[in-house]
Protein backbone atom coordinates (compact mmCIF):
# COMPACT_ATOMS: atom_id res chain seq x y z
CA MET A 1 0.01 -0.01 -0.01
CA ALA A 2 1.65 3.20 -1.18
CA SER A 3 0.24 5.42 1.57
CA VAL A 4 1.74 3.21 4.27
CA THR A 5 5.33 3.40 3.11
CA SER A 6 5.50 7.14 3.69
CA ALA A 7 3.07 7.41 6.52
CA THR A 8 3.97 8.90 9.93
CA SER A 9 2.34 8.49 13.26
CA ALA A 10 -0.06 11.07 14.60
CA GLY A 11 2.63 12.03 17.16
CA ALA A 12 5.36 12.44 14.54
CA GLY A 13 3.38 14.16 11.78
CA GLU A 14 0.17 14.24 9.83
CA LEU A 15 -1.48 11.07 8.62
CA THR A 16 -1.77 10.59 4.86
CA ALA A 17 -5.21 11.01 3.33
CA GLY A 18 -5.50 7.27 2.95
CA LEU A 19 -4.74 6.62 6.60
CA ARG A 20 -7.23 9.27 7.64
CA GLY A 21 -9.89 7.33 5.69
CA PHE A 22 -9.11 4.18 7.68
CA ARG A 23 -9.12 6.12 10.95
CA GLU A 24 -12.48 7.65 10.17
CA VAL A 25 -14.19 4.29 9.47
CA GLN A 26 -12.51 2.76 12.55
CA ARG A 27 -13.92 5.63 14.68
CA LEU A 28 -17.31 5.19 13.02
CA ALA A 29 -17.28 1.51 14.03
CA TYR A 30 -16.31 2.27 17.61
CA ASP A 31 -19.00 4.97 17.80
CA CYS A 32 -21.45 2.26 16.67
CA ALA A 33 -20.21 -0.10 19.38
CA GLU A 34 -20.61 2.53 22.12
CA ALA A 35 -24.07 3.52 20.86
CA VAL A 36 -25.28 -0.11 20.75
CA ALA A 37 -23.65 -0.96 24.12
CA ALA A 38 -25.53 1.91 25.68
CA GLN A 39 -28.87 0.38 24.52
CA LEU A 40 -28.17 -3.14 25.68
CA LYS A 41 -30.36 -4.40 28.58
CA PRO A 42 -31.42 -7.70 30.10
CA GLY A 43 -33.22 -9.96 27.62
CA VAL A 44 -31.54 -8.56 24.47
CA THR A 45 -30.21 -11.43 22.33
CA GLU A 46 -26.93 -11.68 20.42
CA ARG A 47 -28.92 -11.60 17.19
CA ALA A 48 -30.69 -8.43 18.20
CA ALA A 49 -27.37 -6.77 19.14
CA ALA A 50 -25.83 -7.76 15.82
CA ARG A 51 -28.84 -6.38 13.97
CA MET A 52 -28.59 -3.11 15.99
CA GLN A 53 -24.97 -2.72 14.75
CA ARG A 54 -25.97 -3.41 11.12
CA GLU A 55 -28.80 -0.88 11.23
CA TRP A 56 -26.76 1.84 12.97
CA LEU A 57 -23.99 1.59 10.35
CA ARG A 58 -26.35 1.34 7.39
CA GLU A 59 -28.08 4.51 8.50
CA ARG A 60 -24.63 6.16 8.21
CA GLY A 61 -23.89 4.92 4.73
CA VAL A 62 -22.24 1.57 5.20
CA ARG A 63 -23.10 -0.81 2.33
CA ASP A 64 -20.26 -3.27 2.40
CA TRP A 65 -18.44 -5.34 5.01
CA PHE A 66 -15.24 -7.19 5.67
CA HIS A 67 -17.52 -9.21 7.83
CA LEU A 68 -21.03 -8.61 9.24
CA PRO A 69 -21.39 -7.71 12.88
CA PHE A 70 -21.06 -10.31 15.64
CA ALA A 71 -22.16 -10.22 19.24
CA TRP A 72 -21.17 -12.66 21.99
CA PHE A 73 -22.64 -12.78 25.52
CA GLY A 74 -21.59 -14.54 28.74
CA ASP A 75 -19.33 -17.55 28.35
CA ARG A 76 -19.50 -17.12 24.60
CA THR A 77 -17.15 -14.10 25.03
CA ALA A 78 -14.51 -16.70 25.94
CA PHE A 79 -15.57 -19.02 23.03
CA VAL A 80 -16.31 -21.81 25.50
CA ASN A 81 -16.64 -25.13 23.61
CA PHE A 82 -16.38 -23.45 20.19
CA ARG A 83 -15.45 -26.14 17.71
CA ILE A 84 -16.77 -25.03 14.28
CA PRO A 85 -16.98 -21.65 12.56
CA LEU A 86 -20.80 -21.60 12.69
CA GLN A 87 -20.62 -21.21 16.47
CA PHE A 88 -19.22 -17.72 16.04
CA PHE A 89 -22.49 -16.43 14.48
CA PRO A 90 -24.95 -14.63 16.82
CA THR A 91 -27.44 -16.77 18.66
CA ASN A 92 -30.55 -16.27 20.82
CA ARG A 93 -28.41 -16.09 23.97
CA GLU A 94 -29.93 -13.38 26.17
CA LEU A 95 -27.93 -10.76 28.07
CA GLU A 96 -28.23 -10.93 31.84
CA PRO A 97 -27.15 -8.50 34.58
CA GLY A 98 -23.42 -8.70 35.26
CA MET A 99 -22.78 -10.51 32.00
CA ALA A 100 -19.85 -9.69 29.78
CA PHE A 101 -20.39 -8.97 26.09
CA ILE A 102 -18.28 -8.40 22.97
CA LEU A 103 -19.43 -6.48 19.92
CA ASP A 104 -17.33 -7.11 16.79
CA MET A 105 -17.89 -5.47 13.41
CA ALA A 106 -15.91 -4.83 10.18
CA PRO A 107 -17.55 -2.18 8.04
CA VAL A 108 -16.37 -0.84 4.69
CA HIS A 109 -17.12 2.85 4.12
CA ASN A 110 -16.00 4.96 1.14
CA GLY A 111 -13.70 2.08 0.20
CA PHE A 112 -11.92 2.01 3.59
CA THR A 113 -12.07 -0.97 5.95
CA ALA A 114 -12.04 -1.34 9.72
CA ASP A 115 -12.38 -4.36 11.97
CA ILE A 116 -12.99 -3.60 15.64
CA GLY A 117 -13.83 -5.43 18.86
CA TYR A 118 -15.51 -3.78 21.80
CA SER A 119 -15.69 -5.46 25.25
CA GLY A 120 -18.21 -4.44 27.87
CA CYS A 121 -20.39 -5.77 30.62
CA LEU A 122 -23.96 -5.14 31.80
CA GLY A 123 -23.40 -3.81 35.28
CA LEU A 124 -20.60 -4.86 37.63
CA ASN A 125 -18.22 -7.61 36.65
CA PRO A 126 -14.78 -7.49 38.38
CA VAL A 127 -13.35 -10.35 36.33
CA HIS A 128 -14.16 -8.54 33.10
CA ASP A 129 -12.73 -5.30 34.45
CA ARG A 130 -9.45 -6.99 35.27
CA LEU A 131 -9.24 -8.70 31.84
CA LEU A 132 -9.79 -5.38 30.09
CA ALA A 133 -7.18 -3.66 32.27
CA ASP A 134 -4.61 -6.39 31.60
CA LEU A 135 -5.08 -6.06 27.80
CA GLU A 136 -3.07 -2.80 27.97
CA SER A 137 0.24 -4.62 28.33
CA HIS A 138 -0.53 -6.70 25.23
CA ARG A 139 -1.05 -3.55 23.17
CA GLU A 140 2.27 -2.28 24.38
CA LEU A 141 4.08 -5.63 23.82
CA ILE A 142 2.74 -6.05 20.29
CA LEU A 143 3.81 -2.56 19.17
CA SER A 144 7.22 -2.84 20.75
CA GLU A 145 8.07 -6.17 19.11
CA VAL A 146 6.64 -5.21 15.70
CA ARG A 147 9.01 -2.18 15.79
CA GLU A 148 11.84 -4.61 16.46
CA ARG A 149 10.82 -6.45 13.30
CA ARG A 150 10.52 -9.66 15.24
CA PRO A 151 8.83 -12.54 13.26
CA LEU A 152 5.08 -12.48 13.62
CA ARG A 153 5.09 -16.08 14.90
CA GLU A 154 7.54 -15.12 17.67
CA ILE A 155 5.43 -12.14 18.66
CA TYR A 156 2.40 -14.37 18.85
CA GLU A 157 4.29 -16.76 21.16
CA ASP A 158 5.34 -13.82 23.38
CA VAL A 159 1.71 -12.72 23.66
CA ASP A 160 0.87 -16.29 24.64
CA ARG A 161 3.56 -16.27 27.35
CA LEU A 162 2.28 -12.92 28.71
CA MET A 163 -1.20 -14.37 28.96
CA VAL A 164 0.07 -17.38 30.83
CA ARG A 165 1.92 -15.11 33.30
CA GLN A 166 -1.27 -13.11 33.81
CA GLY A 167 -3.23 -16.35 34.45
CA TYR A 168 -5.36 -16.21 31.33
CA ALA A 169 -6.17 -18.46 28.32
CA ASN A 170 -5.53 -17.44 24.75
CA ARG A 171 -8.92 -17.23 23.10
CA HIS A 172 -7.89 -15.78 19.73
CA ARG A 173 -6.46 -19.25 19.10
CA ALA A 174 -10.10 -20.38 18.71
CA TYR A 175 -10.47 -18.22 15.57
CA PRO A 176 -9.93 -19.85 12.16
CA PHE A 177 -6.21 -20.52 11.73
CA GLY A 178 -5.71 -19.26 15.31
CA VAL A 179 -5.09 -15.76 14.09
CA ILE A 180 -4.34 -12.76 16.35
CA ALA A 181 -4.46 -10.41 13.35
CA HIS A 182 -5.04 -10.15 9.60
CA LYS A 183 -4.23 -7.60 6.92
CA ILE A 184 -6.88 -5.15 5.68
CA ASP A 185 -6.80 -2.83 2.65
CA ARG A 186 -8.90 -0.61 0.46
CA VAL A 187 -11.95 -2.20 -1.15
CA ARG A 188 -13.31 -1.17 -4.52
CA GLN A 189 -16.79 0.23 -4.13
CA ARG A 190 -19.53 -1.50 -6.09
CA ARG A 191 -23.23 -0.91 -6.41
CA TRP A 192 -23.92 -4.43 -5.23
CA SER A 193 -21.86 -5.87 -2.35
CA PRO A 194 -22.80 -9.46 -1.58
CA THR A 195 -21.62 -11.47 1.43
CA LEU A 196 -20.59 -15.13 1.77
CA PHE A 197 -20.85 -16.83 5.11
CA GLY A 198 -20.98 -13.42 6.74
CA PHE A 199 -17.90 -12.03 4.90
CA GLY A 200 -17.94 -9.45 2.13
CA THR A 201 -16.94 -11.03 -1.13
CA GLN A 202 -14.84 -8.02 -2.19
CA SER A 203 -12.82 -8.17 0.99
CA LEU A 204 -12.38 -11.91 0.72
CA LYS A 205 -11.04 -11.49 -2.82
CA GLY A 206 -8.54 -8.92 -1.47
CA LEU A 207 -7.41 -11.22 1.29
CA ALA A 208 -7.07 -14.12 -1.13
CA SER A 209 -5.01 -11.96 -3.49
CA ASP A 210 -2.72 -10.97 -0.58
CA ALA A 211 -2.39 -14.64 0.38
CA LEU A 212 -1.42 -15.57 -3.19
CA HIS A 213 1.14 -12.78 -3.54
CA GLY A 214 2.42 -13.35 -0.05
CA HIS A 215 2.91 -17.06 -0.63
CA ARG A 216 5.12 -16.32 -3.61
CA ASP A 217 7.15 -13.76 -1.61
CA GLY A 218 7.33 -15.64 1.71
CA TRP A 219 4.74 -13.92 3.87
CA SER A 220 1.09 -14.32 4.85
CA PRO A 221 -1.76 -11.82 5.42
CA LEU A 222 -2.75 -13.96 8.48
CA TRP A 223 -0.86 -13.55 11.73
CA SER A 224 -0.98 -16.97 13.28
CA PRO A 225 1.01 -19.38 15.44
CA TYR A 226 1.93 -21.45 12.39
CA THR A 227 4.99 -21.60 10.18
CA PHE A 228 3.41 -19.50 7.41
CA SER A 229 3.64 -16.55 9.84
CA ASP A 230 7.34 -17.07 10.52
CA HIS A 231 8.38 -13.82 8.86
CA PRO A 232 8.84 -10.14 9.86
CA PRO A 233 5.81 -7.82 9.84
CA GLN A 234 4.77 -6.95 6.27
CA PRO A 235 4.11 -3.19 5.65
CA GLY A 236 0.43 -2.43 5.51
CA LEU A 237 -2.54 -2.28 7.89
CA TRP A 238 -3.21 -5.08 10.30
CA ALA A 239 -6.39 -5.55 12.37
CA VAL A 240 -5.00 -6.88 15.68
CA GLU A 241 -7.14 -8.57 18.33
CA PRO A 242 -5.55 -10.18 21.42
CA HIS A 243 -8.34 -12.00 23.21
CA LEU A 244 -8.08 -13.07 26.83
CA GLY A 245 -10.24 -15.67 28.61
CA PHE A 246 -10.72 -16.59 32.28
CA ARG A 247 -13.33 -18.96 33.73
CA GLY A 248 -16.02 -18.33 31.12
CA THR A 249 -15.37 -14.64 30.63
CA GLY A 250 -13.53 -13.13 27.66
CA ALA A 251 -12.36 -9.63 26.66
CA LYS A 252 -10.46 -8.24 23.75
CA PHE A 253 -9.79 -5.11 21.76
CA GLU A 254 -9.39 -5.02 18.00
CA GLU A 255 -7.91 -2.10 16.15
CA ILE A 256 -5.61 -1.14 13.27
CA LEU A 257 -1.86 -1.37 13.53
CA VAL A 258 0.09 0.48 10.82
CA VAL A 259 3.35 -1.08 9.72
CA THR A 260 5.63 0.91 7.34
CA ASP A 261 8.99 0.45 5.70
CA SER A 262 10.51 3.38 7.62
CA LYS A 263 13.91 2.89 9.30
CA ASP A 264 12.76 5.16 12.15
CA PRO A 265 11.50 2.86 14.96
CA GLN A 266 8.77 5.31 15.94
CA GLU A 267 7.47 5.52 12.39
CA SER A 268 8.03 1.87 11.47
CA ALA A 269 4.88 0.86 13.34
CA PHE A 270 2.14 2.66 15.26
CA TRP A 271 -1.42 2.27 16.29
CA LEU A 272 -3.63 4.21 13.89
CA ASP A 273 -5.56 5.95 16.68
CA ASP A 274 -5.13 6.38 20.41
CA ASP A 275 -8.50 7.98 20.87
CA LEU A 276 -10.41 4.71 21.29
CA PRO A 277 -12.67 3.53 24.16
CA HIS A 278 -10.26 1.01 25.68
CA VAL A 279 -7.31 3.38 25.46
CA ARG A 280 -9.30 6.18 27.03
CA ARG A 281 -10.38 3.76 29.82
CA TRP A 282 -6.73 2.94 30.59
CA GLN A 283 -5.84 6.63 30.66
CA GLU A 284 -8.77 7.42 32.94
CA GLU A 285 -7.77 4.64 35.34
CA LYS A 286 -4.20 5.91 35.53
CA ALA A 287 -5.47 9.46 36.14
CA ALA A 288 -7.74 8.24 38.92
């Protein structure tokens, strides 16, 4: 992606026009998550929460998706007993007081893609609060090691080790191919944007094209614990989602990490936006 090779972080300079487009759709998705979370109440089902996300975004011009919105409640936030991909789709599970939830959506807007995960709970849940607080160190670790150009597979293993030290289980390993992240890119806008198994066909074509080109050049658009991710970070945009689990409760964030070909460590990798709900929460906790 041309815009990534010359991009600088918000702290070091202005974002390129392309990166601003990705940041805007990521903020739109997080605004949707916060708006829907504020409307959740006991008795709302996962399917209803997913529909609320779709409707909120469609009212604001979203017509295409990397994937349609998901919602997980209770022990489903930790992917308890998930064995097949169909179990990720929203169910009739109802939200209850004190129950954790995750909203996950990947809209495409004006050709720009975002993929976000928002963790919350309905009322008090100390376990969920601790999980969310402990995710901060994973955000810091991932950025630091990407800047060191460590192989993606090694970074994945270091995230695993940090989770073990914290006393948690790795739940992103339950995703297809066990991915902690995947590449995203621009998507050509079309009048008709079909989906296949919940994923936008245009985005799937782009990911498949990346996989084909990457295979020839020795890299993968999927960041996994397997040998095909045993390479340094590839320049581009990565949707990163470390996912912690503890005794039937899960929490994660998902946001865009920008990787460039800059020799300056500060500009070689950076989170696209620090004005996001989980980051603000950590800052507020430190201030308090």
